[in-house]
Amino acid sequence: MAWAYLAVAVVFEIVFALGTNATKGFTRLWPSVLTLVAAAGGIYTLSLALRTLDVGVGYTIWTGLGSIGTVLFGALIFKERITLPKLVSFAAIIAGAVTLKLSSGL
């Protein structure tokens, strides 16, 4: 169940990051509300995942996959460019997340 909580936390992390951009410095009400709800949801579901997972594993996967999702959706929503160095970095993050999962024994 910890991995399911972590997956939900990653989604909240992505929504939080993208929402922060959409708030325009927290001057727009609904994007600001969404961002704050996503931040709270992400922290809460991460805390549930960390009941079982090692904090080093859970937090690293949360931030890593959240970063990848933010860049990918940032490209789709905000038309940000995905460059070769970004793709190489994605591969490194994914390889690290998989290695952490395999080495955690959970």
PDB file of N, CA and C in Angstrom:
ATOM      1  N   MET A   1       0.814  -1.189   0.000  1.00  0.00           N
ATOM      2  CA  MET A   1       0.000   0.000   0.000  1.00  0.00           C
ATOM      3  C   MET A   1       0.865   1.265   0.000  1.00  0.00           C
ATOM      4  N   ALA A   2       2.065   1.163   0.555  1.00  0.00           N
ATOM      5  CA  ALA A   2       2.956   2.329   0.627  1.00  0.00           C
ATOM      6  C   ALA A   2       3.275   2.866  -0.762  1.00  0.00           C
ATOM      7  N   TRP A   3       3.453   1.970  -1.722  1.00  0.00           N
ATOM      8  CA  TRP A   3       3.775   2.415  -3.081  1.00  0.00           C
ATOM      9  C   TRP A   3       2.586   3.110  -3.727  1.00  0.00           C
ATOM     10  N   ALA A   4       1.377   2.691  -3.392  1.00  0.00           N
ATOM     11  CA  ALA A   4       0.180   3.371  -3.905  1.00  0.00           C
ATOM     12  C   ALA A   4       0.089   4.781  -3.322  1.00  0.00           C
ATOM     13  N   TYR A   5       0.342   4.908  -2.022  1.00  0.00           N
ATOM     14  CA  TYR A   5       0.364   6.240  -1.404  1.00  0.00           C
ATOM     15  C   TYR A   5       1.436   7.116  -2.047  1.00  0.00           C
ATOM     16  N   LEU A   6       2.588   6.522  -2.310  1.00  0.00           N
ATOM     17  CA  LEU A   6       3.666   7.296  -2.923  1.00  0.00           C
ATOM     18  C   LEU A   6       3.286   7.745  -4.331  1.00  0.00           C
ATOM     19  N   ALA A   7       2.615   6.895  -5.086  1.00  0.00           N
ATOM     20  CA  ALA A   7       2.171   7.272  -6.434  1.00  0.00           C
ATOM     21  C   ALA A   7       1.193   8.444  -6.374  1.00  0.00           C
ATOM     22  N   VAL A   8       0.272   8.408  -5.426  1.00  0.00           N
ATOM     23  CA  VAL A   8      -0.671   9.520  -5.261  1.00  0.00           C
ATOM     24  C   VAL A   8       0.083  10.787  -4.856  1.00  0.00           C
ATOM     25  N   ALA A   9       1.062  10.637  -3.982  1.00  0.00           N
ATOM     26  CA  ALA A   9       1.867  11.783  -3.552  1.00  0.00           C
ATOM     27  C   ALA A   9       2.619  12.408  -4.728  1.00  0.00           C
ATOM     28  N   VAL A  10       3.091  11.574  -5.641  1.00  0.00           N
ATOM     29  CA  VAL A  10       3.778  12.079  -6.834  1.00  0.00           C
ATOM     30  C   VAL A  10       2.824  12.903  -7.693  1.00  0.00           C
ATOM     31  N   VAL A  11       1.603  12.424  -7.854  1.00  0.00           N
ATOM     32  CA  VAL A  11       0.613  13.181  -8.639  1.00  0.00           C
ATOM     33  C   VAL A  11       0.351  14.532  -7.978  1.00  0.00           C
ATOM     34  N   PHE A  12       0.168  14.531  -6.664  1.00  0.00           N
ATOM     35  CA  PHE A  12      -0.030  15.790  -5.952  1.00  0.00           C
ATOM     36  C   PHE A  12       1.180  16.725  -6.140  1.00  0.00           C
ATOM     37  N   GLU A  13       2.374  16.162  -6.108  1.00  0.00           N
ATOM     38  CA  GLU A  13       3.600  16.959  -6.281  1.00  0.00           C
ATOM     39  C   GLU A  13       3.618  17.635  -7.643  1.00  0.00           C
ATOM     40  N   ILE A  14       3.231  16.912  -8.672  1.00  0.00           N
ATOM     41  CA  ILE A  14       3.197  17.466 -10.031  1.00  0.00           C
ATOM     42  C   ILE A  14       2.147  18.575 -10.119  1.00  0.00           C
ATOM     43  N   VAL A  15       0.969  18.320  -9.574  1.00  0.00           N
ATOM     44  CA  VAL A  15      -0.095  19.332  -9.589  1.00  0.00           C
ATOM     45  C   VAL A  15       0.358  20.573  -8.813  1.00  0.00           C
ATOM     46  N   PHE A  16       1.014  20.359  -7.678  1.00  0.00           N
ATOM     47  CA  PHE A  16       1.521  21.471  -6.881  1.00  0.00           C
ATOM     48  C   PHE A  16       2.503  22.334  -7.680  1.00  0.00           C
ATOM     49  N   ALA A  17       3.463  21.688  -8.324  1.00  0.00           N
ATOM     50  CA  ALA A  17       4.482  22.439  -9.068  1.00  0.00           C
ATOM     51  C   ALA A  17       3.871  23.190 -10.249  1.00  0.00           C
ATOM     52  N   LEU A  18       3.026  22.521 -11.000  1.00  0.00           N
ATOM     53  CA  LEU A  18       2.385  23.179 -12.146  1.00  0.00           C
ATOM     54  C   LEU A  18       1.419  24.269 -11.684  1.00  0.00           C
ATOM     55  N   GLY A  19       0.724  24.003 -10.593  1.00  0.00           N
ATOM     56  CA  GLY A  19      -0.202  24.989 -10.053  1.00  0.00           C
ATOM     57  C   GLY A  19       0.506  26.237  -9.567  1.00  0.00           C
ATOM     58  N   THR A  20       1.688  26.057  -8.987  1.00  0.00           N
ATOM     59  CA  THR A  20       2.449  27.210  -8.517  1.00  0.00           C
ATOM     60  C   THR A  20       2.750  28.162  -9.664  1.00  0.00           C
ATOM     61  N   ASN A  21       3.084  27.614 -10.815  1.00  0.00           N
ATOM     62  CA  ASN A  21       3.326  28.446 -11.994  1.00  0.00           C
ATOM     63  C   ASN A  21       2.048  29.167 -12.417  1.00  0.00           C
ATOM     64  N   ALA A  22       0.923  28.476 -12.344  1.00  0.00           N
ATOM     65  CA  ALA A  22      -0.353  29.039 -12.783  1.00  0.00           C
ATOM     66  C   ALA A  22      -0.902  30.102 -11.832  1.00  0.00           C
ATOM     67  N   THR A  23      -0.404  30.159 -10.597  1.00  0.00           N
ATOM     68  CA  THR A  23      -0.925  31.143  -9.636  1.00  0.00           C
ATOM     69  C   THR A  23      -0.498  32.568  -9.955  1.00  0.00           C
ATOM     70  N   LYS A  24       0.551  32.703 -10.757  1.00  0.00           N
ATOM     71  CA  LYS A  24       1.118  34.032 -11.072  1.00  0.00           C
ATOM     72  C   LYS A  24       1.443  34.778  -9.773  1.00  0.00           C
ATOM     73  N   GLY A  25       2.240  34.110  -8.931  1.00  0.00           N
ATOM     74  CA  GLY A  25       2.647  34.713  -7.665  1.00  0.00           C
ATOM     75  C   GLY A  25       1.528  34.737  -6.641  1.00  0.00           C
ATOM     76  N   PHE A  26       0.667  33.755  -6.683  1.00  0.00           N
ATOM     77  CA  PHE A  26      -0.497  33.625  -5.801  1.00  0.00           C
ATOM     78  C   PHE A  26      -1.428  34.836  -5.907  1.00  0.00           C
ATOM     79  N   THR A  27      -1.558  35.353  -7.114  1.00  0.00           N
ATOM     80  CA  THR A  27      -2.495  36.451  -7.369  1.00  0.00           C
ATOM     81  C   THR A  27      -3.790  35.962  -8.006  1.00  0.00           C
ATOM     82  N   ARG A  28      -3.845  34.692  -8.389  1.00  0.00           N
ATOM     83  CA  ARG A  28      -5.056  34.113  -8.994  1.00  0.00           C
ATOM     84  C   ARG A  28      -5.642  33.117  -7.995  1.00  0.00           C
ATOM     85  N   LEU A  29      -6.915  33.318  -7.642  1.00  0.00           N
ATOM     86  CA  LEU A  29      -7.542  32.575  -6.548  1.00  0.00           C
ATOM     87  C   LEU A  29      -7.572  31.072  -6.765  1.00  0.00           C
ATOM     88  N   TRP A  30      -8.211  30.590  -7.832  1.00  0.00           N
ATOM     89  CA  TRP A  30      -8.426  29.148  -7.972  1.00  0.00           C
ATOM     90  C   TRP A  30      -7.148  28.363  -8.204  1.00  0.00           C
ATOM     91  N   PRO A  31      -6.221  28.858  -9.016  1.00  0.00           N
ATOM     92  CA  PRO A  31      -4.945  28.133  -9.089  1.00  0.00           C
ATOM     93  C   PRO A  31      -4.211  28.121  -7.739  1.00  0.00           C
ATOM     94  N   SER A  32      -4.368  29.185  -6.962  1.00  0.00           N
ATOM     95  CA  SER A  32      -3.736  29.238  -5.637  1.00  0.00           C
ATOM     96  C   SER A  32      -4.360  28.214  -4.700  1.00  0.00           C
ATOM     97  N   VAL A  33      -5.682  28.110  -4.718  1.00  0.00           N
ATOM     98  CA  VAL A  33      -6.374  27.122  -3.882  1.00  0.00           C
ATOM     99  C   VAL A  33      -5.949  25.713  -4.288  1.00  0.00           C
ATOM    100  N   LEU A  34      -5.949  25.427  -5.594  1.00  0.00           N
ATOM    101  CA  LEU A  34      -5.529  24.110  -6.092  1.00  0.00           C
ATOM    102  C   LEU A  34      -4.098  23.795  -5.655  1.00  0.00           C
ATOM    103  N   THR A  35      -3.226  24.769  -5.749  1.00  0.00           N
ATOM    104  CA  THR A  35      -1.825  24.573  -5.379  1.00  0.00           C
ATOM    105  C   THR A  35      -1.687  24.240  -3.900  1.00  0.00           C
ATOM    106  N   LEU A  36      -2.393  24.958  -3.047  1.00  0.00           N
ATOM    107  CA  LEU A  36      -2.309  24.703  -1.608  1.00  0.00           C
ATOM    108  C   LEU A  36      -2.902  23.340  -1.241  1.00  0.00           C
ATOM    109  N   VAL A  37      -4.006  22.971  -1.877  1.00  0.00           N
ATOM    110  CA  VAL A  37      -4.616  21.655  -1.630  1.00  0.00           C
ATOM    111  C   VAL A  37      -3.668  20.543  -2.097  1.00  0.00           C
ATOM    112  N   ALA A  38      -3.049  20.735  -3.266  1.00  0.00           N
ATOM    113  CA  ALA A  38      -2.110  19.732  -3.783  1.00  0.00           C
ATOM    114  C   ALA A  38      -0.886  19.602  -2.878  1.00  0.00           C
ATOM    115  N   ALA A  39      -0.395  20.721  -2.365  1.00  0.00           N
ATOM    116  CA  ALA A  39       0.757  20.674  -1.458  1.00  0.00           C
ATOM    117  C   ALA A  39       0.413  19.877  -0.200  1.00  0.00           C
ATOM    118  N   ALA A  40      -0.749  20.176   0.385  1.00  0.00           N
ATOM    119  CA  ALA A  40      -1.172  19.457   1.589  1.00  0.00           C
ATOM    120  C   ALA A  40      -1.404  17.975   1.289  1.00  0.00           C
ATOM    121  N   GLY A  41      -2.047  17.682   0.158  1.00  0.00           N
ATOM    122  CA  GLY A  41      -2.294  16.297  -0.217  1.00  0.00           C
ATOM    123  C   GLY A  41      -1.007  15.528  -0.449  1.00  0.00           C
ATOM    124  N   GLY A  42      -0.038  16.176  -1.073  1.00  0.00           N
ATOM    125  CA  GLY A  42       1.242  15.525  -1.330  1.00  0.00           C
ATOM    126  C   GLY A  42       1.995  15.201  -0.050  1.00  0.00           C
ATOM    127  N   ILE A  43       2.037  16.154   0.861  1.00  0.00           N
ATOM    128  CA  ILE A  43       2.730  15.925   2.132  1.00  0.00           C
ATOM    129  C   ILE A  43       2.022  14.816   2.922  1.00  0.00           C
ATOM    130  N   TYR A  44       0.697  14.866   2.938  1.00  0.00           N
ATOM    131  CA  TYR A  44      -0.060  13.864   3.693  1.00  0.00           C
ATOM    132  C   TYR A  44       0.157  12.459   3.127  1.00  0.00           C
ATOM    133  N   THR A  45      -0.008  12.299   1.814  1.00  0.00           N
ATOM    134  CA  THR A  45       0.134  10.951   1.252  1.00  0.00           C
ATOM    135  C   THR A  45       1.588  10.480   1.294  1.00  0.00           C
ATOM    136  N   LEU A  46       2.537  11.402   1.189  1.00  0.00           N
ATOM    137  CA  LEU A  46       3.939  11.011   1.371  1.00  0.00           C
ATOM    138  C   LEU A  46       4.147  10.499   2.793  1.00  0.00           C
ATOM    139  N   SER A  47       3.559  11.183   3.769  1.00  0.00           N
ATOM    140  CA  SER A  47       3.722  10.733   5.160  1.00  0.00           C
ATOM    141  C   SER A  47       3.134   9.333   5.368  1.00  0.00           C
ATOM    142  N   LEU A  48       2.034   9.032   4.680  1.00  0.00           N
ATOM    143  CA  LEU A  48       1.470   7.681   4.775  1.00  0.00           C
ATOM    144  C   LEU A  48       2.416   6.649   4.163  1.00  0.00           C
ATOM    145  N   ALA A  49       3.010   6.995   3.041  1.00  0.00           N
ATOM    146  CA  ALA A  49       3.955   6.075   2.388  1.00  0.00           C
ATOM    147  C   ALA A  49       5.179   5.838   3.274  1.00  0.00           C
ATOM    148  N   LEU A  50       5.601   6.892   3.981  1.00  0.00           N
ATOM    149  CA  LEU A  50       6.814   6.775   4.793  1.00  0.00           C
ATOM    150  C   LEU A  50       6.600   6.014   6.097  1.00  0.00           C
ATOM    151  N   ARG A  51       5.371   5.598   6.351  1.00  0.00           N
ATOM    152  CA  ARG A  51       5.146   4.698   7.478  1.00  0.00           C
ATOM    153  C   ARG A  51       5.855   3.374   7.241  1.00  0.00           C
ATOM    154  N   THR A  52       5.964   2.986   5.975  1.00  0.00           N
ATOM    155  CA  THR A  52       6.569   1.707   5.604  1.00  0.00           C
ATOM    156  C   THR A  52       7.907   1.886   4.903  1.00  0.00           C
ATOM    157  N   LEU A  53       7.973   2.825   3.975  1.00  0.00           N
ATOM    158  CA  LEU A  53       9.194   3.024   3.183  1.00  0.00           C
ATOM    159  C   LEU A  53      10.246   3.788   3.972  1.00  0.00           C
ATOM    160  N   ASP A  54      11.506   3.514   3.669  1.00  0.00           N
ATOM    161  CA  ASP A  54      12.588   4.331   4.211  1.00  0.00           C
ATOM    162  C   ASP A  54      12.438   5.749   3.687  1.00  0.00           C
ATOM    163  N   VAL A  55      12.712   6.740   4.517  1.00  0.00           N
ATOM    164  CA  VAL A  55      12.550   8.123   4.103  1.00  0.00           C
ATOM    165  C   VAL A  55      13.450   8.457   2.909  1.00  0.00           C
ATOM    166  N   GLY A  56      14.652   7.909   2.876  1.00  0.00           N
ATOM    167  CA  GLY A  56      15.556   8.170   1.754  1.00  0.00           C
ATOM    168  C   GLY A  56      15.003   7.660   0.436  1.00  0.00           C
ATOM    169  N   VAL A  57      14.351   6.511   0.478  1.00  0.00           N
ATOM    170  CA  VAL A  57      13.752   5.928  -0.724  1.00  0.00           C
ATOM    171  C   VAL A  57      12.495   6.701  -1.112  1.00  0.00           C
ATOM    172  N   GLY A  58      11.587   6.866  -0.179  1.00  0.00           N
ATOM    173  CA  GLY A  58      10.316   7.522  -0.475  1.00  0.00           C
ATOM    174  C   GLY A  58      10.479   8.955  -0.947  1.00  0.00           C
ATOM    175  N   TYR A  59      11.272   9.720  -0.221  1.00  0.00           N
ATOM    176  CA  TYR A  59      11.444  11.127  -0.576  1.00  0.00           C
ATOM    177  C   TYR A  59      12.153  11.280  -1.915  1.00  0.00           C
ATOM    178  N   THR A  60      13.167  10.471  -2.148  1.00  0.00           N
ATOM    179  CA  THR A  60      13.905  10.562  -3.411  1.00  0.00           C
ATOM    180  C   THR A  60      13.007  10.224  -4.593  1.00  0.00           C
ATOM    181  N   ILE A  61      12.216   9.175  -4.476  1.00  0.00           N
ATOM    182  CA  ILE A  61      11.315   8.810  -5.562  1.00  0.00           C
ATOM    183  C   ILE A  61      10.239   9.881  -5.739  1.00  0.00           C
ATOM    184  N   TRP A  62       9.717  10.408  -4.645  1.00  0.00           N
ATOM    185  CA  TRP A  62       8.690  11.458  -4.699  1.00  0.00           C
ATOM    186  C   TRP A  62       9.191  12.690  -5.442  1.00  0.00           C
ATOM    187  N   THR A  63      10.364  13.156  -5.061  1.00  0.00           N
ATOM    188  CA  THR A  63      10.895  14.357  -5.722  1.00  0.00           C
ATOM    189  C   THR A  63      11.356  14.058  -7.140  1.00  0.00           C
ATOM    190  N   GLY A  64      11.961  12.896  -7.359  1.00  0.00           N
ATOM    191  CA  GLY A  64      12.456  12.561  -8.697  1.00  0.00           C
ATOM    192  C   GLY A  64      11.343  12.395  -9.712  1.00  0.00           C
ATOM    193  N   LEU A  65      10.357  11.571  -9.377  1.00  0.00           N
ATOM    194  CA  LEU A  65       9.246  11.369 -10.309  1.00  0.00           C
ATOM    195  C   LEU A  65       8.384  12.625 -10.415  1.00  0.00           C
ATOM    196  N   GLY A  66       8.280  13.358  -9.322  1.00  0.00           N
ATOM    197  CA  GLY A  66       7.570  14.635  -9.377  1.00  0.00           C
ATOM    198  C   GLY A  66       8.253  15.610 -10.327  1.00  0.00           C
ATOM    199  N   SER A  67       9.572  15.613 -10.312  1.00  0.00           N
ATOM    200  CA  SER A  67      10.335  16.481 -11.215  1.00  0.00           C
ATOM    201  C   SER A  67      10.134  16.084 -12.671  1.00  0.00           C
ATOM    202  N   ILE A  68      10.201  14.793 -12.928  1.00  0.00           N
ATOM    203  CA  ILE A  68      10.002  14.313 -14.296  1.00  0.00           C
ATOM    204  C   ILE A  68       8.600  14.672 -14.787  1.00  0.00           C
ATOM    205  N   GLY A  69       7.604  14.394 -13.970  1.00  0.00           N
ATOM    206  CA  GLY A  69       6.234  14.713 -14.354  1.00  0.00           C
ATOM    207  C   GLY A  69       6.027  16.200 -14.572  1.00  0.00           C
ATOM    208  N   THR A  70       6.656  17.005 -13.739  1.00  0.00           N
ATOM    209  CA  THR A  70       6.528  18.456 -13.879  1.00  0.00           C
ATOM    210  C   THR A  70       7.136  18.936 -15.187  1.00  0.00           C
ATOM    211  N   VAL A  71       8.285  18.406 -15.543  1.00  0.00           N
ATOM    212  CA  VAL A  71       8.917  18.810 -16.803  1.00  0.00           C
ATOM    213  C   VAL A  71       8.082  18.348 -17.997  1.00  0.00           C
ATOM    214  N   LEU A  72       7.610  17.111 -17.944  1.00  0.00           N
ATOM    215  CA  LEU A  72       6.807  16.598 -19.064  1.00  0.00           C
ATOM    216  C   LEU A  72       5.502  17.376 -19.228  1.00  0.00           C
ATOM    217  N   PHE A  73       4.781  17.569 -18.124  1.00  0.00           N
ATOM    218  CA  PHE A  73       3.529  18.307 -18.227  1.00  0.00           C
ATOM    219  C   PHE A  73       3.763  19.798 -18.460  1.00  0.00           C
ATOM    220  N   GLY A  74       4.893  20.317 -17.979  1.00  0.00           N
ATOM    221  CA  GLY A  74       5.252  21.706 -18.283  1.00  0.00           C
ATOM    222  C   GLY A  74       5.437  21.904 -19.775  1.00  0.00           C
ATOM    223  N   ALA A  75       5.996  20.895 -20.431  1.00  0.00           N
ATOM    224  CA  ALA A  75       6.161  20.959 -21.885  1.00  0.00           C
ATOM    225  C   ALA A  75       4.809  20.915 -22.580  1.00  0.00           C
ATOM    226  N   LEU A  76       3.912  20.077 -22.086  1.00  0.00           N
ATOM    227  CA  LEU A  76       2.589  19.961 -22.707  1.00  0.00           C
ATOM    228  C   LEU A  76       1.710  21.187 -22.447  1.00  0.00           C
ATOM    229  N   ILE A  77       1.699  21.643 -21.213  1.00  0.00           N
ATOM    230  CA  ILE A  77       0.780  22.718 -20.824  1.00  0.00           C
ATOM    231  C   ILE A  77       1.352  24.104 -21.110  1.00  0.00           C
ATOM    232  N   PHE A  78       2.623  24.313 -20.754  1.00  0.00           N
ATOM    233  CA  PHE A  78       3.227  25.638 -20.856  1.00  0.00           C
ATOM    234  C   PHE A  78       4.177  25.779 -22.043  1.00  0.00           C
ATOM    235  N   LYS A  79       4.250  24.739 -22.888  1.00  0.00           N
ATOM    236  CA  LYS A  79       5.074  24.755 -24.102  1.00  0.00           C
ATOM    237  C   LYS A  79       6.565  24.949 -23.797  1.00  0.00           C
ATOM    238  N   GLU A  80       7.025  24.393 -22.667  1.00  0.00           N
ATOM    239  CA  GLU A  80       8.442  24.441 -22.329  1.00  0.00           C
ATOM    240  C   GLU A  80       9.186  23.391 -23.151  1.00  0.00           C
ATOM    241  N   ARG A  81      10.434  23.668 -23.479  1.00  0.00           N
ATOM    242  CA  ARG A  81      11.218  22.764 -24.329  1.00  0.00           C
ATOM    243  C   ARG A  81      11.806  21.611 -23.519  1.00  0.00           C
ATOM    244  N   ILE A  82      11.813  20.428 -24.138  1.00  0.00           N
ATOM    245  CA  ILE A  82      12.508  19.274 -23.572  1.00  0.00           C
ATOM    246  C   ILE A  82      13.747  19.049 -24.421  1.00  0.00           C
ATOM    247  N   THR A  83      14.897  19.205 -23.802  1.00  0.00           N
ATOM    248  CA  THR A  83      16.171  19.111 -24.509  1.00  0.00           C
ATOM    249  C   THR A  83      16.829  17.757 -24.239  1.00  0.00           C
ATOM    250  N   LEU A  84      17.884  17.472 -24.990  1.00  0.00           N
ATOM    251  CA  LEU A  84      18.630  16.229 -24.789  1.00  0.00           C
ATOM    252  C   LEU A  84      19.172  16.122 -23.359  1.00  0.00           C
ATOM    253  N   PRO A  85      19.759  17.171 -22.793  1.00  0.00           N
ATOM    254  CA  PRO A  85      20.207  17.047 -21.396  1.00  0.00           C
ATOM    255  C   PRO A  85      19.064  16.729 -20.432  1.00  0.00           C
ATOM    256  N   LYS A  86      17.868  17.260 -20.678  1.00  0.00           N
ATOM    257  CA  LYS A  86      16.723  16.926 -19.836  1.00  0.00           C
ATOM    258  C   LYS A  86      16.377  15.446 -19.979  1.00  0.00           C
ATOM    259  N   LEU A  87      16.407  14.917 -21.198  1.00  0.00           N
ATOM    260  CA  LEU A  87      16.100  13.508 -21.414  1.00  0.00           C
ATOM    261  C   LEU A  87      17.112  12.598 -20.723  1.00  0.00           C
ATOM    262  N   VAL A  88      18.380  12.964 -20.792  1.00  0.00           N
ATOM    263  CA  VAL A  88      19.419  12.181 -20.117  1.00  0.00           C
ATOM    264  C   VAL A  88      19.195  12.224 -18.608  1.00  0.00           C
ATOM    265  N   SER A  89      18.824  13.370 -18.106  1.00  0.00           N
ATOM    266  CA  SER A  89      18.552  13.503 -16.672  1.00  0.00           C
ATOM    267  C   SER A  89      17.351  12.662 -16.268  1.00  0.00           C
ATOM    268  N   PHE A  90      16.306  12.630 -17.094  1.00  0.00           N
ATOM    269  CA  PHE A  90      15.141  11.783 -16.820  1.00  0.00           C
ATOM    270  C   PHE A  90      15.578  10.329 -16.691  1.00  0.00           C
ATOM    271  N   ALA A  91      16.400   9.889 -17.631  1.00  0.00           N
ATOM    272  CA  ALA A  91      16.860   8.497 -17.621  1.00  0.00           C
ATOM    273  C   ALA A  91      17.618   8.198 -16.325  1.00  0.00           C
ATOM    274  N   ALA A  92      18.445   9.130 -15.881  1.00  0.00           N
ATOM    275  CA  ALA A  92      19.202   8.930 -14.641  1.00  0.00           C
ATOM    276  C   ALA A  92      18.265   8.871 -13.439  1.00  0.00           C
ATOM    277  N   ILE A  93      17.257   9.732 -13.409  1.00  0.00           N
ATOM    278  CA  ILE A  93      16.304   9.729 -12.298  1.00  0.00           C
ATOM    279  C   ILE A  93      15.521   8.423 -12.272  1.00  0.00           C
ATOM    280  N   ILE A  94      15.059   7.989 -13.428  1.00  0.00           N
ATOM    281  CA  ILE A  94      14.297   6.739 -13.501  1.00  0.00           C
ATOM    282  C   ILE A  94      15.169   5.556 -13.081  1.00  0.00           C
ATOM    283  N   ALA A  95      16.399   5.515 -13.566  1.00  0.00           N
ATOM    284  CA  ALA A  95      17.306   4.431 -13.181  1.00  0.00           C
ATOM    285  C   ALA A  95      17.553   4.452 -11.677  1.00  0.00           C
ATOM    286  N   GLY A  96      17.716   5.619 -11.116  1.00  0.00           N
ATOM    287  CA  GLY A  96      17.920   5.727  -9.664  1.00  0.00           C
ATOM    288  C   GLY A  96      16.700   5.282  -8.884  1.00  0.00           C
ATOM    289  N   ALA A  97      15.509   5.675  -9.340  1.00  0.00           N
ATOM    290  CA  ALA A  97      14.272   5.277  -8.658  1.00  0.00           C
ATOM    291  C   ALA A  97      14.086   3.769  -8.711  1.00  0.00           C
ATOM    292  N   VAL A  98      14.337   3.173  -9.860  1.00  0.00           N
ATOM    293  CA  VAL A  98      14.210   1.719 -10.001  1.00  0.00           C
ATOM    294  C   VAL A  98      15.222   1.014  -9.110  1.00  0.00           C
ATOM    295  N   THR A  99      16.441   1.503  -9.081  1.00  0.00           N
ATOM    296  CA  THR A  99      17.473   0.899  -8.244  1.00  0.00           C
ATOM    297  C   THR A  99      17.104   1.002  -6.769  1.00  0.00           C
ATOM    298  N   LEU A 100      16.579   2.164  -6.341  1.00  0.00           N
ATOM    299  CA  LEU A 100      16.146   2.308  -4.955  1.00  0.00           C
ATOM    300  C   LEU A 100      15.020   1.325  -4.635  1.00  0.00           C
ATOM    301  N   LYS A 101      14.082   1.196  -5.536  1.00  0.00           N
ATOM    302  CA  LYS A 101      12.959   0.269  -5.313  1.00  0.00           C
ATOM    303  C   LYS A 101      13.471  -1.159  -5.173  1.00  0.00           C
ATOM    304  N   LEU A 102      14.354  -1.558  -6.064  1.00  0.00           N
ATOM    305  CA  LEU A 102      14.877  -2.928  -6.039  1.00  0.00           C
ATOM    306  C   LEU A 102      15.736  -3.187  -4.805  1.00  0.00           C
ATOM    307  N   SER A 103      16.441  -2.167  -4.348  1.00  0.00           N
ATOM    308  CA  SER A 103      17.342  -2.368  -3.205  1.00  0.00           C
ATOM    309  C   SER A 103      16.642  -2.217  -1.862  1.00  0.00           C
ATOM    310  N   SER A 104      15.420  -1.685  -1.871  1.00  0.00           N
ATOM    311  CA  SER A 104      14.731  -1.449  -0.594  1.00  0.00           C
ATOM    312  C   SER A 104      14.114  -2.719  -0.030  1.00  0.00           C
ATOM    313  N   GLY A 105      13.857  -3.720  -0.870  1.00  0.00           N
ATOM    314  CA  GLY A 105      13.264  -4.959  -0.407  1.00  0.00           C
ATOM    315  C   GLY A 105      11.799  -4.827  -0.044  1.00  0.00           C
ATOM    316  N   LEU A 106      11.169  -3.723  -0.452  1.00  0.00           N
ATOM    317  CA  LEU A 106       9.733  -3.505  -0.121  1.00  0.00           C
ATOM    318  C   LEU A 106       8.872  -3.715  -1.323  1.00  0.00           C
TER     319      LEU A 106
END
